[in-house]
Protein backbone atom coordinates (compact mmCIF):
# COMPACT_ATOMS: atom_id res chain seq x y z
CA MET A 1 70.75 23.23 -2.55
CA ALA A 2 72.92 23.04 -5.76
CA ILE A 3 71.75 25.33 -8.42
CA GLY A 4 72.39 25.40 -12.17
CA PRO A 5 73.42 28.31 -14.20
CA VAL A 6 71.05 31.37 -13.80
CA GLN A 7 70.03 33.72 -16.60
CA LEU A 8 67.83 36.83 -16.66
CA ILE A 9 66.06 37.20 -19.75
CA ALA A 10 64.31 40.67 -20.62
CA VAL A 11 61.84 40.62 -23.54
CA GLY A 12 60.02 43.62 -24.71
CA PHE A 13 56.53 44.04 -26.07
CA SER A 14 55.16 47.23 -27.65
CA GLN A 15 51.60 45.91 -27.50
CA PRO A 16 51.47 43.36 -24.66
CA ASP A 17 49.41 40.44 -25.12
CA PHE A 18 50.10 37.98 -22.15
CA HIS A 19 47.63 35.36 -23.05
CA GLY A 20 49.46 32.41 -21.59
CA GLU A 21 51.44 31.17 -24.65
CA ILE A 22 54.91 32.25 -22.83
CA ILE A 23 54.03 30.60 -19.58
CA ALA A 24 52.73 27.39 -21.27
CA GLU A 25 56.22 27.15 -23.10
CA LEU A 26 58.11 27.67 -19.93
CA GLU A 27 56.05 24.97 -18.27
CA ARG A 28 56.91 22.48 -21.03
CA LEU A 29 60.61 23.32 -20.52
CA ARG A 30 60.11 22.74 -16.91
CA GLU A 31 58.19 19.43 -17.22
CA SER A 32 61.18 18.41 -19.42
CA ASP A 33 63.66 19.48 -16.64
CA THR A 34 65.42 21.64 -19.08
CA VAL A 35 64.91 24.68 -17.11
CA ARG A 36 63.43 26.08 -13.86
CA VAL A 37 61.73 29.50 -13.73
CA ILE A 38 63.03 30.95 -10.53
CA ASP A 39 60.81 34.14 -11.02
CA SER A 40 59.10 35.93 -13.59
CA LEU A 41 57.52 39.43 -13.80
CA ALA A 42 55.52 41.48 -16.38
CA VAL A 43 56.64 45.05 -15.94
CA TYR A 44 54.55 47.80 -17.65
CA LYS A 45 55.92 51.17 -18.37
CA ASP A 46 53.63 53.95 -19.13
CA ALA A 47 54.34 57.16 -21.42
CA ASP A 48 55.55 58.83 -18.39
CA GLY A 49 57.95 56.03 -17.32
CA GLU A 50 56.02 54.94 -14.31
CA LEU A 51 56.11 51.18 -13.64
CA ALA A 52 53.44 48.68 -12.66
CA VAL A 53 54.60 45.12 -11.93
CA GLU A 54 52.69 41.72 -12.14
CA HIS A 55 54.10 38.43 -11.15
CA LEU A 56 53.93 35.73 -14.16
CA SER A 57 54.67 32.27 -12.64
CA ASN A 58 54.43 28.41 -13.42
CA LEU A 59 56.04 27.95 -9.84
CA SER A 60 54.14 25.75 -7.41
CA GLN A 61 53.14 27.66 -4.08
CA ASP A 62 55.83 25.96 -2.23
CA GLU A 63 58.52 27.06 -4.81
CA ALA A 64 57.22 30.59 -4.81
CA ILE A 65 57.36 30.82 -1.09
CA GLU A 66 61.01 29.23 -1.11
CA LEU A 67 62.27 31.41 -3.81
CA GLY A 68 60.31 34.81 -3.12
CA THR A 69 60.61 37.81 -5.32
CA LYS A 70 64.07 37.19 -6.72
CA ILE A 71 64.07 39.38 -9.89
CA GLY A 72 62.94 42.32 -7.80
CA ALA A 73 65.83 41.73 -5.33
CA LEU A 74 68.35 41.24 -8.27
CA ILE A 75 67.41 44.40 -10.10
CA GLY A 76 66.27 46.57 -7.01
CA LEU A 77 62.77 46.66 -8.07
CA GLY A 78 60.61 47.01 -5.02
CA ILE A 79 57.69 44.69 -5.74
CA GLU A 80 56.48 45.23 -2.31
CA GLY A 81 57.08 48.96 -2.23
CA GLU A 82 59.82 50.39 -0.11
CA ALA A 83 59.85 47.09 2.00
CA GLY A 84 60.76 45.33 -1.27
CA VAL A 85 63.49 47.67 -2.08
CA GLU A 86 64.84 47.40 1.52
CA ALA A 87 64.78 43.58 1.31
CA GLY A 88 66.70 43.62 -2.00
CA ALA A 89 69.34 45.92 -0.44
CA LEU A 90 69.69 44.02 2.67
CA ALA A 91 70.02 40.64 0.71
CA GLY A 92 72.79 42.37 -1.37
CA ALA A 93 74.48 43.84 1.66
CA GLU A 94 74.48 40.42 3.36
CA ALA A 95 75.94 38.74 0.32
CA ALA A 96 78.78 41.31 0.27
CA ALA A 97 79.52 40.89 3.80
CA GLY A 98 79.55 37.28 3.37
CA GLY A 99 82.45 37.65 0.76
CA VAL A 100 80.30 37.50 -2.28
CA GLU A 101 81.31 39.98 -4.85
CA VAL A 102 78.39 42.12 -5.90
CA PHE A 103 78.15 44.20 -9.18
CA ASN A 104 79.69 47.34 -9.33
CA ASP A 105 78.39 50.49 -11.19
CA GLU A 106 80.34 49.54 -14.42
CA ASP A 107 78.97 45.98 -14.46
CA ALA A 108 75.40 46.90 -13.47
CA TRP A 109 72.50 46.39 -16.05
CA ASP A 110 69.64 48.67 -15.64
CA VAL A 111 67.03 46.42 -17.08
CA LEU A 112 64.19 48.88 -16.06
CA GLU A 113 65.99 51.72 -17.90
CA ASP A 114 66.07 49.56 -21.08
CA ILE A 115 62.19 49.24 -21.14
CA PRO A 116 61.10 51.72 -23.42
CA ASN A 117 58.18 54.09 -22.18
CA ASP A 118 54.65 53.05 -23.13
CA SER A 119 55.54 49.38 -23.52
CA ALA A 120 56.01 46.17 -21.53
CA ALA A 121 58.64 43.57 -20.57
CA ALA A 122 58.54 40.13 -19.39
CA LEU A 123 61.51 39.48 -17.06
CA ILE A 124 62.45 35.82 -16.65
CA LEU A 125 64.91 34.35 -14.15
CA LEU A 126 65.74 30.98 -15.49
CA GLU A 127 67.94 28.23 -13.87
CA HIS A 128 69.39 26.06 -16.86
CA HIS A 129 69.24 22.38 -15.45
CA TRP A 130 70.70 21.08 -18.79
CA ALA A 131 73.91 23.04 -18.20
CA VAL A 132 74.62 21.61 -14.74
CA PRO A 133 76.72 18.47 -15.95
CA LEU A 134 78.52 20.72 -18.46
CA ARG A 135 79.31 23.48 -15.94
CA ASP A 136 80.61 21.05 -13.41
CA ALA A 137 82.82 19.25 -16.08
CA ILE A 138 84.30 22.69 -16.96
CA ALA A 139 84.93 23.39 -13.36
CA ARG A 140 86.55 20.08 -12.75
CA ALA A 141 88.88 20.85 -15.55
CA GLY A 142 89.88 24.14 -14.04
CA GLY A 143 87.63 26.19 -16.38
CA PHE A 144 85.62 29.34 -15.70
CA ARG A 145 82.96 31.49 -17.25
CA ILE A 146 84.58 34.67 -19.00
CA SER A 147 81.19 35.83 -20.55
CA ASP A 148 78.35 34.72 -22.46
CA GLY A 149 75.38 36.05 -24.49
CA PHE A 150 72.79 35.52 -27.38
CA ILE A 151 74.14 35.51 -30.98
CA SER A 152 71.91 37.55 -33.50
CA PRO A 153 70.63 35.48 -36.33
CA LEU A 154 72.33 37.88 -38.78
CA ASP A 155 75.62 36.90 -37.38
CA LEU A 156 74.84 33.28 -37.91
CA VAL A 157 74.77 33.90 -41.66
CA GLU A 158 78.50 34.49 -41.68
CA ILE A 159 79.44 31.31 -40.15
CA GLY A 160 76.99 29.34 -42.30
CA LEU A 161 74.52 28.12 -39.70
CA LEU A 162 71.57 30.00 -41.32
CA SER A 163 70.85 31.22 -44.83
CA ALA A 164 70.44 34.82 -45.48
CA GLU A 165 66.74 34.37 -45.88
CA GLU A 166 66.36 32.38 -42.56
CA ALA A 167 68.23 35.11 -40.70
CA LYS A 168 66.21 37.94 -42.18
CA GLU A 169 63.12 36.23 -41.02
CA LEU A 170 64.19 35.42 -37.69
CA HIS A 171 65.69 38.96 -37.18
CA ALA A 172 62.47 40.62 -38.47
CA MET A 173 60.46 38.41 -36.20
CA GLU A 174 62.65 39.48 -33.21
CA GLN A 175 62.43 43.27 -34.14
CA SER A 176 59.04 43.72 -35.44
CA ALA A 177 57.42 44.45 -32.17
CA ALA A 178 60.40 46.86 -31.24
CA ALA A 179 59.91 48.80 -34.48
CA ALA A 180 56.16 49.19 -33.67
CA SER A 181 56.88 51.07 -30.39
């Protein structure tokens, strides 16, 4: 099965209110064939740093069975307790044995560590369908990915894509929940 570029997005919430709006937007993107949600989790971290995990998903039952708990395996989070951690470790070991280069400690992103105590995060693993033709064209031209990342709205002012007022509004919206925690 060919797969498009995949991205893990971690979004924090100081006062989580998962009332379906995020899943509804992901469903809209899925229906337009823009993205596919491979996996999504809500992770709650209490004041002592203890984690509780809940699956969030707009996958069909068949897709969920096919894909399994990919975020848990990717970040080493044992959704199914020790068995989940072992399954994730085994999948990583099999990939390494098959010649796939896995992350080293320098490249690792400890997304769970980044979640502040007494807050929550939505972890969403997306496949970008829209990017498949672009990725393939780049590969045919001999190109390869060096890095990627989201750009802050504040940085977009400097290059004229947003006004200072628009950037401040977007930045405030992105940061308001973080400041409340």
